[in-house]
């Protein structure tokens, strides 16, 4: 079993948070609270990486946290 760690960007919304993993195509989710967002982010990351492995897609290396532009 492989282990992965990718940076995620949490953006506060009017209600909750939106979460995106900039290194992974179509890897985003949301949560009502920060705690909920963390759980949802773990699930989204696991599902997307599983899909990459299943389809034989190259799994990109994670970016350095400091290289991700934030607004």
PDB file of N, CA and C in Angstrom:
ATOM      1  N   UNK A   1       0.842  -1.172   0.000  1.00  0.00           N
ATOM      2  CA  UNK A   1       0.000   0.000   0.000  1.00  0.00           C
ATOM      3  C   UNK A   1       0.890   1.240   0.000  1.00  0.00           C
ATOM      4  N   UNK A   2       0.653   2.123  -0.946  1.00  0.00           N
ATOM      5  CA  UNK A   2       1.411   3.366  -1.055  1.00  0.00           C
ATOM      6  C   UNK A   2       0.824   4.431  -0.134  1.00  0.00           C
ATOM      7  N   UNK A   3       1.680   5.355   0.276  1.00  0.00           N
ATOM      8  CA  UNK A   3       1.230   6.491   1.072  1.00  0.00           C
ATOM      9  C   UNK A   3       1.539   7.753   0.292  1.00  0.00           C
ATOM     10  N   UNK A   4       0.593   8.671   0.315  1.00  0.00           N
ATOM     11  CA  UNK A   4       0.727   9.919  -0.419  1.00  0.00           C
ATOM     12  C   UNK A   4       0.412  11.086   0.503  1.00  0.00           C
ATOM     13  N   UNK A   5       1.046  12.212   0.228  1.00  0.00           N
ATOM     14  CA  UNK A   5       0.753  13.460   0.936  1.00  0.00           C
ATOM     15  C   UNK A   5       0.781  14.589  -0.084  1.00  0.00           C
ATOM     16  N   UNK A   6      -0.331  15.268  -0.238  1.00  0.00           N
ATOM     17  CA  UNK A   6      -0.467  16.359  -1.197  1.00  0.00           C
ATOM     18  C   UNK A   6      -0.973  17.604  -0.496  1.00  0.00           C
ATOM     19  N   UNK A   7      -0.473  18.774  -0.910  1.00  0.00           N
ATOM     20  CA  UNK A   7      -1.007  20.000  -0.330  1.00  0.00           C
ATOM     21  C   UNK A   7      -2.430  20.261  -0.810  1.00  0.00           C
ATOM     22  N   UNK A   8      -3.236  20.780   0.075  1.00  0.00           N
ATOM     23  CA  UNK A   8      -4.624  21.139  -0.235  1.00  0.00           C
ATOM     24  C   UNK A   8      -4.842  22.598   0.119  1.00  0.00           C
ATOM     25  N   UNK A   9      -5.677  23.266  -0.670  1.00  0.00           N
ATOM     26  CA  UNK A   9      -6.011  24.660  -0.407  1.00  0.00           C
ATOM     27  C   UNK A   9      -7.444  24.711   0.116  1.00  0.00           C
ATOM     28  N   UNK A  10      -7.595  25.209   1.343  1.00  0.00           N
ATOM     29  CA  UNK A  10      -8.904  25.360   1.979  1.00  0.00           C
ATOM     30  C   UNK A  10      -9.321  26.823   1.839  1.00  0.00           C
ATOM     31  N   UNK A  11     -10.456  27.052   1.222  1.00  0.00           N
ATOM     32  CA  UNK A  11     -10.961  28.409   1.039  1.00  0.00           C
ATOM     33  C   UNK A  11     -12.249  28.575   1.827  1.00  0.00           C
ATOM     34  N   UNK A  12     -12.279  29.525   2.777  1.00  0.00           N
ATOM     35  CA  UNK A  12     -13.514  29.756   3.521  1.00  0.00           C
ATOM     36  C   UNK A  12     -14.605  30.280   2.586  1.00  0.00           C
ATOM     37  N   UNK A  13     -15.792  29.740   2.737  1.00  0.00           N
ATOM     38  CA  UNK A  13     -16.961  30.161   1.954  1.00  0.00           C
ATOM     39  C   UNK A  13     -17.989  30.733   2.937  1.00  0.00           C
ATOM     40  N   UNK A  14     -19.132  31.202   2.429  1.00  0.00           N
ATOM     41  CA  UNK A  14     -20.168  31.720   3.327  1.00  0.00           C
ATOM     42  C   UNK A  14     -20.584  30.654   4.337  1.00  0.00           C
ATOM     43  N   UNK A  15     -20.646  29.412   3.861  1.00  0.00           N
ATOM     44  CA  UNK A  15     -20.956  28.304   4.768  1.00  0.00           C
ATOM     45  C   UNK A  15     -19.951  27.193   4.519  1.00  0.00           C
ATOM     46  N   UNK A  16     -18.974  27.083   5.384  1.00  0.00           N
ATOM     47  CA  UNK A  16     -18.011  26.005   5.271  1.00  0.00           C
ATOM     48  C   UNK A  16     -16.773  26.366   4.471  1.00  0.00           C
ATOM     49  N   UNK A  17     -16.191  25.337   3.842  1.00  0.00           N
ATOM     50  CA  UNK A  17     -14.933  25.477   3.126  1.00  0.00           C
ATOM     51  C   UNK A  17     -14.995  24.727   1.808  1.00  0.00           C
ATOM     52  N   UNK A  18     -14.340  25.280   0.800  1.00  0.00           N
ATOM     53  CA  UNK A  18     -14.095  24.522  -0.420  1.00  0.00           C
ATOM     54  C   UNK A  18     -12.629  24.112  -0.363  1.00  0.00           C
ATOM     55  N   UNK A  19     -12.338  22.925  -0.889  1.00  0.00           N
ATOM     56  CA  UNK A  19     -10.998  22.355  -0.798  1.00  0.00           C
ATOM     57  C   UNK A  19     -10.586  21.849  -2.167  1.00  0.00           C
ATOM     58  N   UNK A  20      -9.361  22.202  -2.573  1.00  0.00           N
ATOM     59  CA  UNK A  20      -8.849  21.743  -3.857  1.00  0.00           C
ATOM     60  C   UNK A  20      -7.407  21.256  -3.677  1.00  0.00           C
ATOM     61  N   UNK A  21      -7.070  20.204  -4.407  1.00  0.00           N
ATOM     62  CA  UNK A  21      -5.709  19.685  -4.464  1.00  0.00           C
ATOM     63  C   UNK A  21      -5.136  20.120  -5.813  1.00  0.00           C
ATOM     64  N   UNK A  22      -4.319  21.186  -5.849  1.00  0.00           N
ATOM     65  CA  UNK A  22      -3.859  21.744  -7.118  1.00  0.00           C
ATOM     66  C   UNK A  22      -3.068  20.781  -7.993  1.00  0.00           C
ATOM     67  N   UNK A  23      -2.428  19.786  -7.419  1.00  0.00           N
ATOM     68  CA  UNK A  23      -1.591  18.863  -8.189  1.00  0.00           C
ATOM     69  C   UNK A  23      -2.375  17.766  -8.891  1.00  0.00           C
ATOM     70  N   UNK A  24      -3.636  17.588  -8.522  1.00  0.00           N
ATOM     71  CA  UNK A  24      -4.404  16.457  -9.029  1.00  0.00           C
ATOM     72  C   UNK A  24      -5.650  16.936  -9.771  1.00  0.00           C
ATOM     73  N   UNK A  25      -5.779  16.511 -11.011  1.00  0.00           N
ATOM     74  CA  UNK A  25      -6.922  16.883 -11.832  1.00  0.00           C
ATOM     75  C   UNK A  25      -8.216  16.362 -11.210  1.00  0.00           C
ATOM     76  N   UNK A  26      -9.203  17.204 -11.134  1.00  0.00           N
ATOM     77  CA  UNK A  26     -10.539  16.859 -10.619  1.00  0.00           C
ATOM     78  C   UNK A  26     -10.537  16.388  -9.167  1.00  0.00           C
ATOM     79  N   UNK A  27      -9.624  16.907  -8.372  1.00  0.00           N
ATOM     80  CA  UNK A  27      -9.600  16.525  -6.961  1.00  0.00           C
ATOM     81  C   UNK A  27      -9.983  17.741  -6.121  1.00  0.00           C
ATOM     82  N   UNK A  28     -11.268  17.793  -5.777  1.00  0.00           N
ATOM     83  CA  UNK A  28     -11.791  18.892  -4.978  1.00  0.00           C
ATOM     84  C   UNK A  28     -12.997  18.392  -4.186  1.00  0.00           C
ATOM     85  N   UNK A  29     -13.307  19.111  -3.131  1.00  0.00           N
ATOM     86  CA  UNK A  29     -14.435  18.748  -2.284  1.00  0.00           C
ATOM     87  C   UNK A  29     -14.819  19.975  -1.453  1.00  0.00           C
ATOM     88  N   UNK A  30     -15.669  19.765  -0.461  1.00  0.00           N
ATOM     89  CA  UNK A  30     -16.053  20.849   0.440  1.00  0.00           C
ATOM     90  C   UNK A  30     -16.442  20.250   1.783  1.00  0.00           C
ATOM     91  N   UNK A  31     -16.570  21.103   2.781  1.00  0.00           N
ATOM     92  CA  UNK A  31     -16.987  20.663   4.103  1.00  0.00           C
ATOM     93  C   UNK A  31     -17.694  21.780   4.834  1.00  0.00           C
ATOM     94  N   UNK A  32     -18.616  21.431   5.696  1.00  0.00           N
ATOM     95  CA  UNK A  32     -19.372  22.421   6.457  1.00  0.00           C
ATOM     96  C   UNK A  32     -18.528  23.088   7.538  1.00  0.00           C
ATOM     97  N   UNK A  33     -17.579  22.341   8.098  1.00  0.00           N
ATOM     98  CA  UNK A  33     -16.669  22.862   9.119  1.00  0.00           C
ATOM     99  C   UNK A  33     -15.249  22.481   8.704  1.00  0.00           C
ATOM    100  N   UNK A  34     -14.267  23.027   9.379  1.00  0.00           N
ATOM    101  CA  UNK A  34     -12.882  22.670   9.067  1.00  0.00           C
ATOM    102  C   UNK A  34     -12.645  21.179   9.304  1.00  0.00           C
ATOM    103  N   UNK A  35     -13.167  20.675  10.409  1.00  0.00           N
ATOM    104  CA  UNK A  35     -13.028  19.244  10.716  1.00  0.00           C
ATOM    105  C   UNK A  35     -13.684  18.387   9.634  1.00  0.00           C
ATOM    106  N   UNK A  36     -14.887  18.751   9.233  1.00  0.00           N
ATOM    107  CA  UNK A  36     -15.592  18.044   8.166  1.00  0.00           C
ATOM    108  C   UNK A  36     -14.809  18.144   6.855  1.00  0.00           C
ATOM    109  N   UNK A  37     -14.258  19.319   6.572  1.00  0.00           N
ATOM    110  CA  UNK A  37     -13.469  19.517   5.367  1.00  0.00           C
ATOM    111  C   UNK A  37     -12.239  18.637   5.331  1.00  0.00           C
ATOM    112  N   UNK A  38     -11.575  18.484   6.467  1.00  0.00           N
ATOM    113  CA  UNK A  38     -10.403  17.602   6.525  1.00  0.00           C
ATOM    114  C   UNK A  38     -10.783  16.161   6.199  1.00  0.00           C
ATOM    115  N   UNK A  39     -11.876  15.702   6.767  1.00  0.00           N
ATOM    116  CA  UNK A  39     -12.341  14.341   6.496  1.00  0.00           C
ATOM    117  C   UNK A  39     -12.723  14.171   5.026  1.00  0.00           C
ATOM    118  N   UNK A  40     -13.444  15.142   4.495  1.00  0.00           N
ATOM    119  CA  UNK A  40     -13.850  15.081   3.092  1.00  0.00           C
ATOM    120  C   UNK A  40     -12.630  15.132   2.169  1.00  0.00           C
ATOM    121  N   UNK A  41     -11.626  15.934   2.534  1.00  0.00           N
ATOM    122  CA  UNK A  41     -10.399  16.037   1.738  1.00  0.00           C
ATOM    123  C   UNK A  41      -9.659  14.705   1.715  1.00  0.00           C
ATOM    124  N   UNK A  42      -9.577  14.046   2.852  1.00  0.00           N
ATOM    125  CA  UNK A  42      -8.926  12.721   2.890  1.00  0.00           C
ATOM    126  C   UNK A  42      -9.643  11.746   1.966  1.00  0.00           C
ATOM    127  N   UNK A  43     -10.959  11.743   2.026  1.00  0.00           N
ATOM    128  CA  UNK A  43     -11.743  10.839   1.175  1.00  0.00           C
ATOM    129  C   UNK A  43     -11.558  11.162  -0.302  1.00  0.00           C
ATOM    130  N   UNK A  44     -11.626  12.448  -0.650  1.00  0.00           N
ATOM    131  CA  UNK A  44     -11.477  12.847  -2.053  1.00  0.00           C
ATOM    132  C   UNK A  44     -10.098  12.466  -2.574  1.00  0.00           C
ATOM    133  N   UNK A  45      -9.071  12.729  -1.784  1.00  0.00           N
ATOM    134  CA  UNK A  45      -7.706  12.390  -2.198  1.00  0.00           C
ATOM    135  C   UNK A  45      -7.564  10.892  -2.410  1.00  0.00           C
ATOM    136  N   UNK A  46      -8.069  10.102  -1.483  1.00  0.00           N
ATOM    137  CA  UNK A  46      -7.978   8.641  -1.608  1.00  0.00           C
ATOM    138  C   UNK A  46      -8.698   8.145  -2.863  1.00  0.00           C
ATOM    139  N   UNK A  47      -9.880   8.660  -3.126  1.00  0.00           N
ATOM    140  CA  UNK A  47     -10.643   8.216  -4.300  1.00  0.00           C
ATOM    141  C   UNK A  47      -9.974   8.603  -5.611  1.00  0.00           C
ATOM    142  N   UNK A  48      -9.457   9.818  -5.689  1.00  0.00           N
ATOM    143  CA  UNK A  48      -8.794  10.256  -6.920  1.00  0.00           C
ATOM    144  C   UNK A  48      -7.515   9.452  -7.150  1.00  0.00           C
ATOM    145  N   UNK A  49      -6.724   9.252  -6.112  1.00  0.00           N
ATOM    146  CA  UNK A  49      -5.496   8.471  -6.279  1.00  0.00           C
ATOM    147  C   UNK A  49      -5.801   7.022  -6.626  1.00  0.00           C
ATOM    148  N   UNK A  50      -6.839   6.467  -6.053  1.00  0.00           N
ATOM    149  CA  UNK A  50      -7.265   5.118  -6.419  1.00  0.00           C
ATOM    150  C   UNK A  50      -7.612   5.058  -7.908  1.00  0.00           C
ATOM    151  N   UNK A  51      -8.337   6.060  -8.380  1.00  0.00           N
ATOM    152  CA  UNK A  51      -8.688   6.130  -9.796  1.00  0.00           C
ATOM    153  C   UNK A  51      -7.448   6.222 -10.680  1.00  0.00           C
ATOM    154  N   UNK A  52      -6.471   7.034 -10.279  1.00  0.00           N
ATOM    155  CA  UNK A  52      -5.225   7.141 -11.038  1.00  0.00           C
ATOM    156  C   UNK A  52      -4.561   5.767 -11.127  1.00  0.00           C
ATOM    157  N   UNK A  53      -4.452   5.077  -9.984  1.00  0.00           N
ATOM    158  CA  UNK A  53      -3.804   3.764  -9.966  1.00  0.00           C
ATOM    159  C   UNK A  53      -4.574   2.757 -10.819  1.00  0.00           C
ATOM    160  N   UNK A  54      -5.873   2.742 -10.679  1.00  0.00           N
ATOM    161  CA  UNK A  54      -6.709   1.795 -11.420  1.00  0.00           C
ATOM    162  C   UNK A  54      -6.602   2.003 -12.925  1.00  0.00           C
ATOM    163  N   UNK A  55      -6.532   3.272 -13.355  1.00  0.00           N
ATOM    164  CA  UNK A  55      -6.448   3.595 -14.775  1.00  0.00           C
ATOM    165  C   UNK A  55      -5.011   3.577 -15.301  1.00  0.00           C
ATOM    166  N   UNK A  56      -4.058   3.341 -14.422  1.00  0.00           N
ATOM    167  CA  UNK A  56      -2.657   3.311 -14.835  1.00  0.00           C
ATOM    168  C   UNK A  56      -2.093   4.682 -15.163  1.00  0.00           C
ATOM    169  N   UNK A  57      -2.741   5.742 -14.655  1.00  0.00           N
ATOM    170  CA  UNK A  57      -2.259   7.100 -14.901  1.00  0.00           C
ATOM    171  C   UNK A  57      -1.055   7.390 -14.011  1.00  0.00           C
ATOM    172  N   UNK A  58      -0.156   8.199 -14.537  1.00  0.00           N
ATOM    173  CA  UNK A  58       0.999   8.625 -13.767  1.00  0.00           C
ATOM    174  C   UNK A  58       0.535   9.512 -12.616  1.00  0.00           C
ATOM    175  N   UNK A  59       0.945   9.183 -11.419  1.00  0.00           N
ATOM    176  CA  UNK A  59       0.596   9.986 -10.251  1.00  0.00           C
ATOM    177  C   UNK A  59       1.667  11.064 -10.103  1.00  0.00           C
ATOM    178  N   UNK A  60       1.264  12.336 -10.209  1.00  0.00           N
ATOM    179  CA  UNK A  60       2.260  13.413 -10.161  1.00  0.00           C
ATOM    180  C   UNK A  60       2.890  13.557  -8.786  1.00  0.00           C
ATOM    181  N   UNK A  61       4.109  14.080  -8.803  1.00  0.00           N
ATOM    182  CA  UNK A  61       4.764  14.381  -7.534  1.00  0.00           C
ATOM    183  C   UNK A  61       4.067  15.581  -6.909  1.00  0.00           C
ATOM    184  N   UNK A  62       3.945  15.586  -5.594  1.00  0.00           N
ATOM    185  CA  UNK A  62       3.311  16.738  -4.946  1.00  0.00           C
ATOM    186  C   UNK A  62       4.185  17.978  -5.044  1.00  0.00           C
ATOM    187  N   UNK A  63       3.547  19.123  -5.186  1.00  0.00           N
ATOM    188  CA  UNK A  63       4.249  20.401  -5.201  1.00  0.00           C
ATOM    189  C   UNK A  63       4.747  20.732  -3.806  1.00  0.00           C
ATOM    190  N   UNK A  64       5.759  21.582  -3.787  1.00  0.00           N
ATOM    191  CA  UNK A  64       6.169  22.137  -2.507  1.00  0.00           C
ATOM    192  C   UNK A  64       5.053  23.077  -2.047  1.00  0.00           C
ATOM    193  N   UNK A  65       4.751  23.025  -0.803  1.00  0.00           N
ATOM    194  CA  UNK A  65       3.664  23.836  -0.245  1.00  0.00           C
ATOM    195  C   UNK A  65       3.841  25.317  -0.556  1.00  0.00           C
ATOM    196  N   UNK A  66       5.066  25.776  -0.545  1.00  0.00           N
ATOM    197  CA  UNK A  66       5.335  27.200  -0.748  1.00  0.00           C
ATOM    198  C   UNK A  66       5.208  27.621  -2.212  1.00  0.00           C
ATOM    199  N   UNK A  67       5.117  26.659  -3.137  1.00  0.00           N
ATOM    200  CA  UNK A  67       5.031  27.009  -4.557  1.00  0.00           C
ATOM    201  C   UNK A  67       3.591  27.181  -5.043  1.00  0.00           C
ATOM    202  N   UNK A  68       2.628  26.942  -4.179  1.00  0.00           N
ATOM    203  CA  UNK A  68       1.219  27.039  -4.570  1.00  0.00           C
ATOM    204  C   UNK A  68       0.742  28.475  -4.343  1.00  0.00           C
ATOM    205  N   UNK A  69       0.295  29.133  -5.427  1.00  0.00           N
ATOM    206  CA  UNK A  69      -0.166  30.523  -5.266  1.00  0.00           C
ATOM    207  C   UNK A  69      -1.495  30.582  -4.502  1.00  0.00           C
ATOM    208  N   UNK A  70      -1.568  31.492  -3.573  1.00  0.00           N
ATOM    209  CA  UNK A  70      -2.778  31.696  -2.778  1.00  0.00           C
ATOM    210  C   UNK A  70      -3.251  33.123  -2.966  1.00  0.00           C
ATOM    211  N   UNK A  71      -4.557  33.313  -3.010  1.00  0.00           N
ATOM    212  CA  UNK A  71      -5.114  34.665  -3.136  1.00  0.00           C
ATOM    213  C   UNK A  71      -5.366  35.258  -1.776  1.00  0.00           C
TER     214      UNK A  71
END
